[in-house]
PDB file of N, CA and C in Angstrom:
ATOM      1  N   MET A   1     106.941  95.035  75.777  1.00  0.00           N
ATOM      2  CA  MET A   1     107.552  95.025  77.482  1.00  0.00           C
ATOM      3  C   MET A   1     107.951  93.209  77.156  1.00  0.00           C
ATOM      4  N   THR A   2     109.293  93.015  77.997  1.00  0.00           N
ATOM      5  CA  THR A   2     109.623  92.063  78.611  1.00  0.00           C
ATOM      6  C   THR A   2     108.538  91.085  78.865  1.00  0.00           C
ATOM      7  N   GLN A   3     109.079  89.466  78.347  1.00  0.00           N
ATOM      8  CA  GLN A   3     107.959  88.579  79.147  1.00  0.00           C
ATOM      9  C   GLN A   3     108.289  88.369  80.084  1.00  0.00           C
ATOM     10  N   ASP A   4     109.450  88.037  80.352  1.00  0.00           N
ATOM     11  CA  ASP A   4     110.436  87.404  81.505  1.00  0.00           C
ATOM     12  C   ASP A   4     111.923  87.066  82.054  1.00  0.00           C
ATOM     13  N   ILE A   5     111.785  87.120  83.381  1.00  0.00           N
ATOM     14  CA  ILE A   5     113.599  87.464  83.426  1.00  0.00           C
ATOM     15  C   ILE A   5     113.984  86.011  84.592  1.00  0.00           C
ATOM     16  N   LYS A   6     115.189  85.387  84.227  1.00  0.00           N
ATOM     17  CA  LYS A   6     115.577  84.391  84.753  1.00  0.00           C
ATOM     18  C   LYS A   6     116.540  84.737  85.719  1.00  0.00           C
ATOM     19  N   PHE A   7     116.708  84.778  87.007  1.00  0.00           N
ATOM     20  CA  PHE A   7     117.834  84.772  88.027  1.00  0.00           C
ATOM     21  C   PHE A   7     118.175  82.772  88.233  1.00  0.00           C
ATOM     22  N   ASP A   8     119.997  83.213  87.726  1.00  0.00           N
ATOM     23  CA  ASP A   8     120.559  81.952  87.776  1.00  0.00           C
ATOM     24  C   ASP A   8     120.849  81.976  89.340  1.00  0.00           C
ATOM     25  N   GLU A   9     121.093  80.229  89.645  1.00  0.00           N
ATOM     26  CA  GLU A   9     120.812  80.164  91.058  1.00  0.00           C
ATOM     27  C   GLU A   9     121.916  80.914  91.893  1.00  0.00           C
ATOM     28  N   THR A  10     123.383  81.607  91.857  1.00  0.00           N
ATOM     29  CA  THR A  10     123.654  82.116  92.785  1.00  0.00           C
ATOM     30  C   THR A  10     123.151  83.280  92.799  1.00  0.00           C
ATOM     31  N   VAL A  11     122.613  84.309  91.733  1.00  0.00           N
ATOM     32  CA  VAL A  11     121.616  85.167  92.208  1.00  0.00           C
ATOM     33  C   VAL A  11     120.663  84.944  92.491  1.00  0.00           C
ATOM     34  N   THR A  12     119.741  84.184  92.286  1.00  0.00           N
ATOM     35  CA  THR A  12     118.625  83.784  93.531  1.00  0.00           C
ATOM     36  C   THR A  12     118.918  83.464  95.192  1.00  0.00           C
ATOM     37  N   LYS A  13     120.002  83.086  95.414  1.00  0.00           N
ATOM     38  CA  LYS A  13     120.321  82.601  96.678  1.00  0.00           C
ATOM     39  C   LYS A  13     120.755  84.166  97.291  1.00  0.00           C
ATOM     40  N   ARG A  14     121.412  84.880  96.515  1.00  0.00           N
ATOM     41  CA  ARG A  14     121.381  86.032  96.784  1.00  0.00           C
ATOM     42  C   ARG A  14     120.499  86.917  97.586  1.00  0.00           C
ATOM     43  N   ILE A  15     120.199  87.141  96.613  1.00  0.00           N
ATOM     44  CA  ILE A  15     118.142  87.661  96.991  1.00  0.00           C
ATOM     45  C   ILE A  15     117.522  86.763  98.079  1.00  0.00           C
ATOM     46  N   GLN A  16     117.476  85.496  97.930  1.00  0.00           N
ATOM     47  CA  GLN A  16     116.664  84.957  98.878  1.00  0.00           C
ATOM     48  C   GLN A  16     117.478  85.380 100.167  1.00  0.00           C
ATOM     49  N   ASP A  17     118.587  85.311 100.699  1.00  0.00           N
ATOM     50  CA  ASP A  17     119.749  85.323 101.526  1.00  0.00           C
ATOM     51  C   ASP A  17     118.836  86.900 102.588  1.00  0.00           C
ATOM     52  N   ARG A  18     117.963  88.107 101.616  1.00  0.00           N
ATOM     53  CA  ARG A  18     118.074  88.914 102.238  1.00  0.00           C
ATOM     54  C   ARG A  18     116.650  88.641 102.396  1.00  0.00           C
ATOM     55  N   TRP A  19     115.534  88.390 101.470  1.00  0.00           N
ATOM     56  CA  TRP A  19     114.251  88.652 101.518  1.00  0.00           C
ATOM     57  C   TRP A  19     113.741  88.089 102.944  1.00  0.00           C
ATOM     58  N   LYS A  20     112.645  89.002 102.743  1.00  0.00           N
ATOM     59  CA  LYS A  20     111.696  88.910 103.911  1.00  0.00           C
ATOM     60  C   LYS A  20     110.158  89.454 103.214  1.00  0.00           C
ATOM     61  N   ASP A  21     109.373  87.989 104.032  1.00  0.00           N
ATOM     62  CA  ASP A  21     107.836  88.436 103.723  1.00  0.00           C
ATOM     63  C   ASP A  21     107.833  89.398 103.606  1.00  0.00           C
ATOM     64  N   GLY A  22     106.631  89.311 102.254  1.00  0.00           N
ATOM     65  CA  GLY A  22     106.261  91.320 101.880  1.00  0.00           C
ATOM     66  C   GLY A  22     107.263  92.200 101.495  1.00  0.00           C
ATOM     67  N   ASP A  23     109.053  91.774 101.332  1.00  0.00           N
ATOM     68  CA  ASP A  23     109.119  92.307 100.196  1.00  0.00           C
ATOM     69  C   ASP A  23     108.987  92.538  98.865  1.00  0.00           C
ATOM     70  N   ARG A  24     109.465  93.402  98.012  1.00  0.00           N
ATOM     71  CA  ARG A  24     109.341  93.229  96.812  1.00  0.00           C
ATOM     72  C   ARG A  24     110.548  93.468  96.070  1.00  0.00           C
ATOM     73  N   LEU A  25     110.345  93.037  94.760  1.00  0.00           N
ATOM     74  CA  LEU A  25     112.169  92.968  93.762  1.00  0.00           C
ATOM     75  C   LEU A  25     112.050  93.998  93.029  1.00  0.00           C
ATOM     76  N   LEU A  26     112.564  94.446  92.741  1.00  0.00           N
ATOM     77  CA  LEU A  26     112.602  95.589  91.177  1.00  0.00           C
ATOM     78  C   LEU A  26     114.211  95.451  90.483  1.00  0.00           C
ATOM     79  N   LEU A  27     113.318  95.326  89.265  1.00  0.00           N
ATOM     80  CA  LEU A  27     114.317  95.652  87.895  1.00  0.00           C
ATOM     81  C   LEU A  27     114.780  97.160  87.759  1.00  0.00           C
ATOM     82  N   THR A  28     115.806  97.971  88.049  1.00  0.00           N
ATOM     83  CA  THR A  28     115.758  99.424  87.924  1.00  0.00           C
ATOM     84  C   THR A  28     116.728 100.067  86.749  1.00  0.00           C
ATOM     85  N   PHE A  29     115.706 100.851  85.865  1.00  0.00           N
ATOM     86  CA  PHE A  29     116.731 100.674  85.218  1.00  0.00           C
ATOM     87  C   PHE A  29     117.558 102.695  85.444  1.00  0.00           C
ATOM     88  N   GLU A  30     118.890 102.615  85.822  1.00  0.00           N
ATOM     89  CA  GLU A  30     119.332 103.503  86.263  1.00  0.00           C
ATOM     90  C   GLU A  30     119.258 105.229  85.739  1.00  0.00           C
ATOM     91  N   ASP A  31     118.505 105.722  85.297  1.00  0.00           N
ATOM     92  CA  ASP A  31     118.008 106.857  84.650  1.00  0.00           C
ATOM     93  C   ASP A  31     117.629 108.229  85.669  1.00  0.00           C
ATOM     94  N   GLY A  32     117.861 108.300  86.804  1.00  0.00           N
ATOM     95  CA  GLY A  32     117.962 109.084  87.935  1.00  0.00           C
ATOM     96  C   GLY A  32     116.253 109.293  88.332  1.00  0.00           C
ATOM     97  N   VAL A  33     115.354 108.774  87.548  1.00  0.00           N
ATOM     98  CA  VAL A  33     113.741 108.705  87.988  1.00  0.00           C
ATOM     99  C   VAL A  33     113.590 107.655  88.870  1.00  0.00           C
ATOM    100  N   GLY A  34     112.592 108.268  89.982  1.00  0.00           N
ATOM    101  CA  GLY A  34     112.069 107.643  90.974  1.00  0.00           C
ATOM    102  C   GLY A  34     112.986 106.952  92.030  1.00  0.00           C
ATOM    103  N   PRO A  35     112.708 106.741  92.792  1.00  0.00           N
ATOM    104  CA  PRO A  35     113.112 106.908  94.529  1.00  0.00           C
ATOM    105  C   PRO A  35     114.234 105.628  94.610  1.00  0.00           C
ATOM    106  N   TYR A  36     114.666 104.607  93.724  1.00  0.00           N
ATOM    107  CA  TYR A  36     115.922 104.214  94.014  1.00  0.00           C
ATOM    108  C   TYR A  36     116.757 104.222  92.845  1.00  0.00           C
ATOM    109  N   SER A  37     116.441 105.247  91.488  1.00  0.00           N
ATOM    110  CA  SER A  37     117.289 105.061  90.997  1.00  0.00           C
ATOM    111  C   SER A  37     118.704 106.479  91.592  1.00  0.00           C
ATOM    112  N   GLN A  38     119.778 105.586  91.238  1.00  0.00           N
ATOM    113  CA  GLN A  38     120.764 106.447  91.779  1.00  0.00           C
ATOM    114  C   GLN A  38     121.430 107.531  90.980  1.00  0.00           C
ATOM    115  N   HIS A  39     121.264 107.562  89.703  1.00  0.00           N
ATOM    116  CA  HIS A  39     121.797 108.876  88.746  1.00  0.00           C
ATOM    117  C   HIS A  39     121.244 108.458  87.389  1.00  0.00           C
ATOM    118  N   ALA A  40     121.619 109.829  86.659  1.00  0.00           N
ATOM    119  CA  ALA A  40     120.912 110.004  85.218  1.00  0.00           C
ATOM    120  C   ALA A  40     122.155 109.057  84.191  1.00  0.00           C
ATOM    121  N   MET A  41     122.404 108.115  84.212  1.00  0.00           N
ATOM    122  CA  MET A  41     123.452 107.338  83.184  1.00  0.00           C
ATOM    123  C   MET A  41     124.806 108.428  82.995  1.00  0.00           C
ATOM    124  N   ILE A  42     125.311 108.826  84.048  1.00  0.00           N
ATOM    125  CA  ILE A  42     126.173 110.145  84.001  1.00  0.00           C
ATOM    126  C   ILE A  42     127.328 109.644  82.749  1.00  0.00           C
ATOM    127  N   HIS A  43     127.432 108.300  83.252  1.00  0.00           N
ATOM    128  CA  HIS A  43     128.407 107.573  82.326  1.00  0.00           C
ATOM    129  C   HIS A  43     127.718 106.962  80.508  1.00  0.00           C
ATOM    130  N   MET A  44     127.270 107.452  80.407  1.00  0.00           N
ATOM    131  CA  MET A  44     126.515 107.470  79.020  1.00  0.00           C
ATOM    132  C   MET A  44     126.296 106.175  78.692  1.00  0.00           C
ATOM    133  N   GLN A  45     125.876 104.914  79.804  1.00  0.00           N
ATOM    134  CA  GLN A  45     125.726 103.296  79.917  1.00  0.00           C
ATOM    135  C   GLN A  45     125.009 103.440  79.862  1.00  0.00           C
ATOM    136  N   THR A  46     124.041 101.686  79.622  1.00  0.00           N
ATOM    137  CA  THR A  46     123.133 101.339  79.712  1.00  0.00           C
ATOM    138  C   THR A  46     123.369 100.908  81.320  1.00  0.00           C
ATOM    139  N   GLN A  47     122.523 101.030  82.501  1.00  0.00           N
ATOM    140  CA  GLN A  47     122.937 100.476  83.842  1.00  0.00           C
ATOM    141  C   GLN A  47     121.627  99.948  84.426  1.00  0.00           C
ATOM    142  N   PHE A  48     121.619  98.824  85.092  1.00  0.00           N
ATOM    143  CA  PHE A  48     120.718  98.569  85.673  1.00  0.00           C
ATOM    144  C   PHE A  48     120.862  97.967  87.030  1.00  0.00           C
ATOM    145  N   THR A  49     120.233  98.068  88.094  1.00  0.00           N
ATOM    146  CA  THR A  49     119.969  97.592  89.246  1.00  0.00           C
ATOM    147  C   THR A  49     119.298  96.459  90.096  1.00  0.00           C
ATOM    148  N   ILE A  50     119.355  95.008  90.694  1.00  0.00           N
ATOM    149  CA  ILE A  50     118.107  94.291  91.294  1.00  0.00           C
ATOM    150  C   ILE A  50     118.391  95.537  92.543  1.00  0.00           C
ATOM    151  N   ASN A  51     116.775  95.758  93.160  1.00  0.00           N
ATOM    152  CA  ASN A  51     116.521  96.266  94.408  1.00  0.00           C
ATOM    153  C   ASN A  51     115.436  95.116  95.301  1.00  0.00           C
ATOM    154  N   ILE A  52     115.974  95.448  96.619  1.00  0.00           N
ATOM    155  CA  ILE A  52     114.742  94.598  97.349  1.00  0.00           C
ATOM    156  C   ILE A  52     114.343  95.556  97.954  1.00  0.00           C
ATOM    157  N   ILE A  53     113.049  96.129  98.360  1.00  0.00           N
ATOM    158  CA  ILE A  53     112.086  97.068  98.774  1.00  0.00           C
ATOM    159  C   ILE A  53     111.255  96.406  99.597  1.00  0.00           C
ATOM    160  N   GLY A  54     110.547  96.882 100.707  1.00  0.00           N
ATOM    161  CA  GLY A  54     109.970  96.393 101.772  1.00  0.00           C
ATOM    162  C   GLY A  54     108.389  96.719 101.344  1.00  0.00           C
ATOM    163  N   PRO A  55     107.945  96.049 102.448  1.00  0.00           N
ATOM    164  CA  PRO A  55     106.191  95.790 101.860  1.00  0.00           C
ATOM    165  C   PRO A  55     105.315  97.729 101.697  1.00  0.00           C
ATOM    166  N   GLU A  56     105.672  98.345 102.763  1.00  0.00           N
ATOM    167  CA  GLU A  56     105.185  99.406 102.476  1.00  0.00           C
ATOM    168  C   GLU A  56     105.981 100.825 101.628  1.00  0.00           C
ATOM    169  N   ALA A  57     107.486 100.026 100.996  1.00  0.00           N
ATOM    170  CA  ALA A  57     107.654 100.962 100.845  1.00  0.00           C
ATOM    171  C   ALA A  57     107.448 101.803  99.122  1.00  0.00           C
ATOM    172  N   SER A  58     107.479 102.684  98.798  1.00  0.00           N
ATOM    173  CA  SER A  58     106.899 103.216  97.137  1.00  0.00           C
ATOM    174  C   SER A  58     107.003 102.610  96.217  1.00  0.00           C
ATOM    175  N   LEU A  59     106.231 101.886  95.231  1.00  0.00           N
ATOM    176  CA  LEU A  59     106.081 101.784  93.837  1.00  0.00           C
ATOM    177  C   LEU A  59     106.168 102.825  92.856  1.00  0.00           C
ATOM    178  N   ASP A  60     106.516 104.377  92.958  1.00  0.00           N
ATOM    179  CA  ASP A  60     106.415 105.748  92.502  1.00  0.00           C
ATOM    180  C   ASP A  60     107.329 105.130  91.151  1.00  0.00           C
ATOM    181  N   THR A  61     106.590 105.383  90.062  1.00  0.00           N
ATOM    182  CA  THR A  61     107.626 105.016  88.666  1.00  0.00           C
ATOM    183  C   THR A  61     107.664 103.641  88.062  1.00  0.00           C
ATOM    184  N   TYR A  62     107.296 102.642  89.204  1.00  0.00           N
ATOM    185  CA  TYR A  62     107.428 101.351  88.641  1.00  0.00           C
ATOM    186  C   TYR A  62     106.210 101.026  88.456  1.00  0.00           C
ATOM    187  N   ASP A  63     105.818 101.149  86.873  1.00  0.00           N
ATOM    188  CA  ASP A  63     104.408 101.171  86.825  1.00  0.00           C
ATOM    189  C   ASP A  63     103.433  99.463  85.785  1.00  0.00           C
ATOM    190  N   ALA A  64     104.853  98.882  86.058  1.00  0.00           N
ATOM    191  CA  ALA A  64     104.921  97.476  85.237  1.00  0.00           C
ATOM    192  C   ALA A  64     105.164  96.210  86.087  1.00  0.00           C
ATOM    193  N   THR A  65     104.964  95.146  85.741  1.00  0.00           N
ATOM    194  CA  THR A  65     105.607  94.175  86.080  1.00  0.00           C
ATOM    195  C   THR A  65     106.326  93.232  85.435  1.00  0.00           C
ATOM    196  N   ILE A  66     107.567  92.015  85.564  1.00  0.00           N
ATOM    197  CA  ILE A  66     107.751  91.233  84.158  1.00  0.00           C
ATOM    198  C   ILE A  66     107.757  90.075  85.545  1.00  0.00           C
ATOM    199  N   ASP A  67     107.289  88.571  84.675  1.00  0.00           N
ATOM    200  CA  ASP A  67     107.409  87.305  85.421  1.00  0.00           C
ATOM    201  C   ASP A  67     108.809  86.738  85.766  1.00  0.00           C
ATOM    202  N   SER A  68     109.049  86.442  86.832  1.00  0.00           N
ATOM    203  CA  SER A  68     110.052  85.909  86.671  1.00  0.00           C
ATOM    204  C   SER A  68     110.140  84.004  87.846  1.00  0.00           C
ATOM    205  N   ASN A  69     111.607  83.788  88.125  1.00  0.00           N
ATOM    206  CA  ASN A  69     111.638  82.215  89.011  1.00  0.00           C
ATOM    207  C   ASN A  69     111.939  82.833  90.285  1.00  0.00           C
ATOM    208  N   LEU A  70     111.530  84.282  90.324  1.00  0.00           N
ATOM    209  CA  LEU A  70     111.454  84.779  91.604  1.00  0.00           C
ATOM    210  C   LEU A  70     109.756  85.417  92.317  1.00  0.00           C
ATOM    211  N   GLY A  71     108.882  85.554  91.222  1.00  0.00           N
ATOM    212  CA  GLY A  71     108.019  85.917  91.440  1.00  0.00           C
ATOM    213  C   GLY A  71     107.980  87.144  90.478  1.00  0.00           C
ATOM    214  N   LYS A  72     106.970  88.458  90.914  1.00  0.00           N
ATOM    215  CA  LYS A  72     106.691  89.629  90.360  1.00  0.00           C
ATOM    216  C   LYS A  72     107.939  90.478  90.482  1.00  0.00           C
ATOM    217  N   VAL A  73     108.846  91.422  89.184  1.00  0.00           N
ATOM    218  CA  VAL A  73     109.478  91.852  89.236  1.00  0.00           C
ATOM    219  C   VAL A  73     108.988  93.116  88.921  1.00  0.00           C
ATOM    220  N   TYR A  74     109.100  94.298  89.429  1.00  0.00           N
ATOM    221  CA  TYR A  74     108.451  95.736  89.437  1.00  0.00           C
ATOM    222  C   TYR A  74     109.230  96.467  88.388  1.00  0.00           C
ATOM    223  N   VAL A  75     108.814  97.001  87.304  1.00  0.00           N
ATOM    224  CA  VAL A  75     109.886  97.578  86.381  1.00  0.00           C
ATOM    225  C   VAL A  75     109.353  99.066  86.190  1.00  0.00           C
ATOM    226  N   LYS A  76     109.944 100.040  85.452  1.00  0.00           N
ATOM    227  CA  LYS A  76     109.618 101.001  84.800  1.00  0.00           C
ATOM    228  C   LYS A  76     109.319 100.668  83.322  1.00  0.00           C
ATOM    229  N   ALA A  77     107.327 100.473  82.981  1.00  0.00           N
ATOM    230  CA  ALA A  77     107.635 100.489  82.096  1.00  0.00           C
ATOM    231  C   ALA A  77     108.730 100.523  80.481  1.00  0.00           C
ATOM    232  N   TYR A  78     108.423 102.108  80.376  1.00  0.00           N
ATOM    233  CA  TYR A  78     109.196 102.476  79.331  1.00  0.00           C
ATOM    234  C   TYR A  78     110.907 102.321  79.566  1.00  0.00           C
ATOM    235  N   GLY A  79     111.764 101.859  80.742  1.00  0.00           N
ATOM    236  CA  GLY A  79     112.963 101.182  80.801  1.00  0.00           C
ATOM    237  C   GLY A  79     113.239  99.796  80.157  1.00  0.00           C
ATOM    238  N   MET A  80     112.251  98.838  79.911  1.00  0.00           N
ATOM    239  CA  MET A  80     111.870  98.163  79.361  1.00  0.00           C
ATOM    240  C   MET A  80     111.859  97.935  77.748  1.00  0.00           C
ATOM    241  N   GLU A  81     111.182  99.223  77.213  1.00  0.00           N
ATOM    242  CA  GLU A  81     110.835  99.043  75.744  1.00  0.00           C
ATOM    243  C   GLU A  81     112.143  98.849  74.838  1.00  0.00           C
ATOM    244  N   GLY A  82     111.963  98.063  74.306  1.00  0.00           N
ATOM    245  CA  GLY A  82     112.529  97.688  72.836  1.00  0.00           C
ATOM    246  C   GLY A  82     113.616  96.243  74.027  1.00  0.00           C
ATOM    247  N   MET A  83     113.616  95.740  74.743  1.00  0.00           N
ATOM    248  CA  MET A  83     114.505  94.615  75.164  1.00  0.00           C
ATOM    249  C   MET A  83     114.065  93.528  74.633  1.00  0.00           C
ATOM    250  N   ASP A  84     114.303  92.508  74.502  1.00  0.00           N
ATOM    251  CA  ASP A  84     114.798  90.959  74.408  1.00  0.00           C
ATOM    252  C   ASP A  84     112.978  90.493  75.052  1.00  0.00           C
ATOM    253  N   ASP A  85     112.299  89.634  75.001  1.00  0.00           N
ATOM    254  CA  ASP A  85     111.600  89.009  75.546  1.00  0.00           C
ATOM    255  C   ASP A  85     111.609  87.746  76.797  1.00  0.00           C
ATOM    256  N   HIS A  86     112.888  87.663  76.539  1.00  0.00           N
ATOM    257  CA  HIS A  86     113.568  86.855  77.699  1.00  0.00           C
ATOM    258  C   HIS A  86     114.944  87.476  77.990  1.00  0.00           C
ATOM    259  N   LEU A  87     114.967  87.762  79.274  1.00  0.00           N
ATOM    260  CA  LEU A  87     116.077  87.786  80.208  1.00  0.00           C
ATOM    261  C   LEU A  87     117.059  87.071  81.543  1.00  0.00           C
ATOM    262  N   VAL A  88     118.050  87.409  81.562  1.00  0.00           N
ATOM    263  CA  VAL A  88     118.782  86.571  82.364  1.00  0.00           C
ATOM    264  C   VAL A  88     119.708  87.172  83.083  1.00  0.00           C
ATOM    265  N   VAL A  89     119.841  87.145  84.161  1.00  0.00           N
ATOM    266  CA  VAL A  89     120.377  87.567  85.164  1.00  0.00           C
ATOM    267  C   VAL A  89     121.526  86.452  85.921  1.00  0.00           C
ATOM    268  N   ARG A  90     122.988  86.878  85.512  1.00  0.00           N
ATOM    269  CA  ARG A  90     123.976  85.659  85.539  1.00  0.00           C
ATOM    270  C   ARG A  90     125.201  86.556  86.746  1.00  0.00           C
ATOM    271  N   PHE A  91     125.572  85.656  87.586  1.00  0.00           N
ATOM    272  CA  PHE A  91     126.066  85.965  88.295  1.00  0.00           C
ATOM    273  C   PHE A  91     128.154  85.600  87.903  1.00  0.00           C
ATOM    274  N   HIS A  92     129.082  86.216  88.055  1.00  0.00           N
ATOM    275  CA  HIS A  92     130.719  85.605  87.235  1.00  0.00           C
ATOM    276  C   HIS A  92     131.385  85.515  88.484  1.00  0.00           C
ATOM    277  N   PRO A  93     131.368  84.819  89.374  1.00  0.00           N
ATOM    278  CA  PRO A  93     132.196  84.508  89.918  1.00  0.00           C
ATOM    279  C   PRO A  93     133.512  85.410  89.779  1.00  0.00           C
ATOM    280  N   GLN A  94     134.494  84.923  88.682  1.00  0.00           N
ATOM    281  CA  GLN A  94     135.730  85.621  88.131  1.00  0.00           C
ATOM    282  C   GLN A  94     135.859  87.185  89.079  1.00  0.00           C
ATOM    283  N   TYR A  95     134.643  87.646  88.681  1.00  0.00           N
ATOM    284  CA  TYR A  95     134.789  88.895  89.173  1.00  0.00           C
ATOM    285  C   TYR A  95     134.006  90.046  89.900  1.00  0.00           C
ATOM    286  N   ASP A  96     133.246  88.363  90.824  1.00  0.00           N
ATOM    287  CA  ASP A  96     131.863  89.064  91.777  1.00  0.00           C
ATOM    288  C   ASP A  96     130.983  89.932  90.637  1.00  0.00           C
ATOM    289  N   THR A  97     130.684  89.674  89.807  1.00  0.00           N
ATOM    290  CA  THR A  97     129.961  90.876  89.208  1.00  0.00           C
ATOM    291  C   THR A  97     128.517  89.738  88.709  1.00  0.00           C
ATOM    292  N   MET A  98     127.781  90.759  88.435  1.00  0.00           N
ATOM    293  CA  MET A  98     126.701  90.066  87.834  1.00  0.00           C
ATOM    294  C   MET A  98     126.279  90.525  86.454  1.00  0.00           C
ATOM    295  N   SER A  99     125.345  89.980  85.137  1.00  0.00           N
ATOM    296  CA  SER A  99     125.258  90.757  84.395  1.00  0.00           C
ATOM    297  C   SER A  99     124.131  90.508  83.871  1.00  0.00           C
ATOM    298  N   LEU A 100     123.291  91.065  82.999  1.00  0.00           N
ATOM    299  CA  LEU A 100     121.656  91.314  82.457  1.00  0.00           C
ATOM    300  C   LEU A 100     121.696  90.963  80.610  1.00  0.00           C
ATOM    301  N   SER A 101     121.542  89.748  80.610  1.00  0.00           N
ATOM    302  CA  SER A 101     121.005  89.547  78.656  1.00  0.00           C
ATOM    303  C   SER A 101     120.049  89.094  78.739  1.00  0.00           C
ATOM    304  N   GLY A 102     119.534  89.349  77.402  1.00  0.00           N
ATOM    305  CA  GLY A 102     118.668  89.027  76.616  1.00  0.00           C
ATOM    306  C   GLY A 102     119.255  88.198  75.670  1.00  0.00           C
ATOM    307  N   ASP A 103     118.265  87.779  74.514  1.00  0.00           N
ATOM    308  CA  ASP A 103     118.398  86.563  73.724  1.00  0.00           C
ATOM    309  C   ASP A 103     119.345  86.849  72.724  1.00  0.00           C
ATOM    310  N   SER A 104     119.284  88.667  72.703  1.00  0.00           N
ATOM    311  CA  SER A 104     120.275  89.332  71.547  1.00  0.00           C
ATOM    312  C   SER A 104     121.861  89.690  71.820  1.00  0.00           C
ATOM    313  N   GLY A 105     121.652  89.548  73.476  1.00  0.00           N
ATOM    314  CA  GLY A 105     123.082  89.490  73.962  1.00  0.00           C
ATOM    315  C   GLY A 105     123.096  90.516  75.215  1.00  0.00           C
ATOM    316  N   ASP A 106     124.315  91.064  76.127  1.00  0.00           N
ATOM    317  CA  ASP A 106     124.868  91.562  77.213  1.00  0.00           C
ATOM    318  C   ASP A 106     123.709  92.872  76.704  1.00  0.00           C
ATOM    319  N   ILE A 107     123.130  93.035  78.326  1.00  0.00           N
ATOM    320  CA  ILE A 107     122.951  94.374  78.444  1.00  0.00           C
ATOM    321  C   ILE A 107     123.514  95.458  79.400  1.00  0.00           C
ATOM    322  N   ASP A 108     123.793  94.938  80.691  1.00  0.00           N
ATOM    323  CA  ASP A 108     124.298  95.505  80.957  1.00  0.00           C
ATOM    324  C   ASP A 108     125.673  93.922  82.243  1.00  0.00           C
ATOM    325  N   THR A 109     126.527  94.038  81.642  1.00  0.00           N
ATOM    326  CA  THR A 109     127.584  93.796  82.744  1.00  0.00           C
ATOM    327  C   THR A 109     128.016  94.150  83.608  1.00  0.00           C
ATOM    328  N   ASN A 110     127.671  94.494  84.287  1.00  0.00           N
ATOM    329  CA  ASN A 110     127.888  95.154  86.216  1.00  0.00           C
ATOM    330  C   ASN A 110     126.610  95.478  86.969  1.00  0.00           C
ATOM    331  N   VAL A 111     126.163  94.690  86.862  1.00  0.00           N
ATOM    332  CA  VAL A 111     124.357  94.898  87.141  1.00  0.00           C
ATOM    333  C   VAL A 111     124.897  95.416  88.958  1.00  0.00           C
ATOM    334  N   GLY A 112     124.270  95.979  89.963  1.00  0.00           N
ATOM    335  CA  GLY A 112     124.261  96.492  90.925  1.00  0.00           C
ATOM    336  C   GLY A 112     123.181  95.570  91.859  1.00  0.00           C
ATOM    337  N   PHE A 113     123.369  95.472  93.256  1.00  0.00           N
ATOM    338  CA  PHE A 113     122.166  95.068  93.830  1.00  0.00           C
ATOM    339  C   PHE A 113     121.974  94.968  94.774  1.00  0.00           C
ATOM    340  N   ILE A 114     120.935  96.279  95.166  1.00  0.00           N
ATOM    341  CA  ILE A 114     120.573  97.423  96.532  1.00  0.00           C
ATOM    342  C   ILE A 114     119.652  96.466  97.707  1.00  0.00           C
ATOM    343  N   ASP A 115     120.044  96.693  98.741  1.00  0.00           N
ATOM    344  CA  ASP A 115     118.437  95.988  99.455  1.00  0.00           C
ATOM    345  C   ASP A 115     117.919  97.405  99.831  1.00  0.00           C
ATOM    346  N   PHE A 116     117.461  97.646 100.022  1.00  0.00           N
ATOM    347  CA  PHE A 116     117.134  99.001 100.549  1.00  0.00           C
ATOM    348  C   PHE A 116     116.144  98.961 101.859  1.00  0.00           C
ATOM    349  N   THR A 117     115.806  97.560 102.305  1.00  0.00           N
ATOM    350  CA  THR A 117     115.810  97.131 103.367  1.00  0.00           C
ATOM    351  C   THR A 117     116.734  97.400 104.925  1.00  0.00           C
ATOM    352  N   ASP A 118     117.911  97.637 103.953  1.00  0.00           N
ATOM    353  CA  ASP A 118     119.149  97.368 104.905  1.00  0.00           C
ATOM    354  C   ASP A 118     119.574  98.341 105.313  1.00  0.00           C
ATOM    355  N   PRO A 119     119.803  99.338 106.082  1.00  0.00           N
ATOM    356  CA  PRO A 119     120.753 100.728 106.149  1.00  0.00           C
ATOM    357  C   PRO A 119     122.263 101.004 105.607  1.00  0.00           C
ATOM    358  N   ASN A 120     122.746  99.964 105.250  1.00  0.00           N
ATOM    359  CA  ASN A 120     123.909  99.765 104.730  1.00  0.00           C
ATOM    360  C   ASN A 120     123.777  99.191 103.435  1.00  0.00           C
ATOM    361  N   GLY A 121     122.300  99.187 103.120  1.00  0.00           N
ATOM    362  CA  GLY A 121     122.073  98.700 101.595  1.00  0.00           C
ATOM    363  C   GLY A 121     122.891  98.628 100.313  1.00  0.00           C
ATOM    364  N   ILE A 122     122.860 100.372 100.139  1.00  0.00           N
ATOM    365  CA  ILE A 122     123.595 101.082  98.939  1.00  0.00           C
ATOM    366  C   ILE A 122     125.094 101.355  99.058  1.00  0.00           C
ATOM    367  N   LYS A 123     125.262 101.394 100.593  1.00  0.00           N
ATOM    368  CA  LYS A 123     126.331 101.502 100.934  1.00  0.00           C
ATOM    369  C   LYS A 123     127.282  99.633 100.169  1.00  0.00           C
ATOM    370  N   GLU A 124     126.915  98.670 100.100  1.00  0.00           N
ATOM    371  CA  GLU A 124     127.227  97.918  99.995  1.00  0.00           C
ATOM    372  C   GLU A 124     126.919  97.026  98.506  1.00  0.00           C
ATOM    373  N   ASN A 125     126.450  98.350  97.680  1.00  0.00           N
ATOM    374  CA  ASN A 125     126.811  98.298  96.512  1.00  0.00           C
ATOM    375  C   ASN A 125     127.823  98.014  95.514  1.00  0.00           C
ATOM    376  N   PRO A 126     128.434  97.070  94.865  1.00  0.00           N
ATOM    377  CA  PRO A 126     129.891  96.695  94.180  1.00  0.00           C
ATOM    378  C   PRO A 126     130.123  97.640  93.184  1.00  0.00           C
ATOM    379  N   ALA A 127     128.563  97.608  92.345  1.00  0.00           N
ATOM    380  CA  ALA A 127     128.544  97.744  90.584  1.00  0.00           C
ATOM    381  C   ALA A 127     128.448  99.299  90.763  1.00  0.00           C
ATOM    382  N   ARG A 128     128.307 100.135  91.606  1.00  0.00           N
ATOM    383  CA  ARG A 128     128.327 101.911  91.346  1.00  0.00           C
ATOM    384  C   ARG A 128     128.931 102.112  92.683  1.00  0.00           C
TER     385      ARG A 128
END
C-alpha cells in the first residue's frame, strides 16, 4: 500500500480553492468501479483523477487511505497495489495538466480533477 502522496503548491491551491469544511479528497483509479470512476479504462492506459466529495457522499469502494500534505486521501486499496511508497502530483503549466508520479517515474501524465460537490464538476474536467 502506498504510504504517502504530496501535492505540489499549484495543485494544493486548486484543491483548497474548492474545498469546504467536511469535504473529503479521493485519488480515483479510473477502472469503472465505484460511484466516482468515469470509465473502465477504455483507452487501455492507467488513469487517475483527484476528486472532492462532500461529507455525506458515499465512500463505497474507497476502502483505504494514504497520508498527504492535505490530510487523508481515500483510495481503492486494490488500485494502489504495486505503487511506489512516495507519490507526487505536480502541475505542468505548459499544458495545464497534472501528473502523478512515484519513485520509479510517471504513472499518469494527465490526471483529472473533478469536484463532485459542484454541479459542473464533471464538465470542467479537462483530462477526460
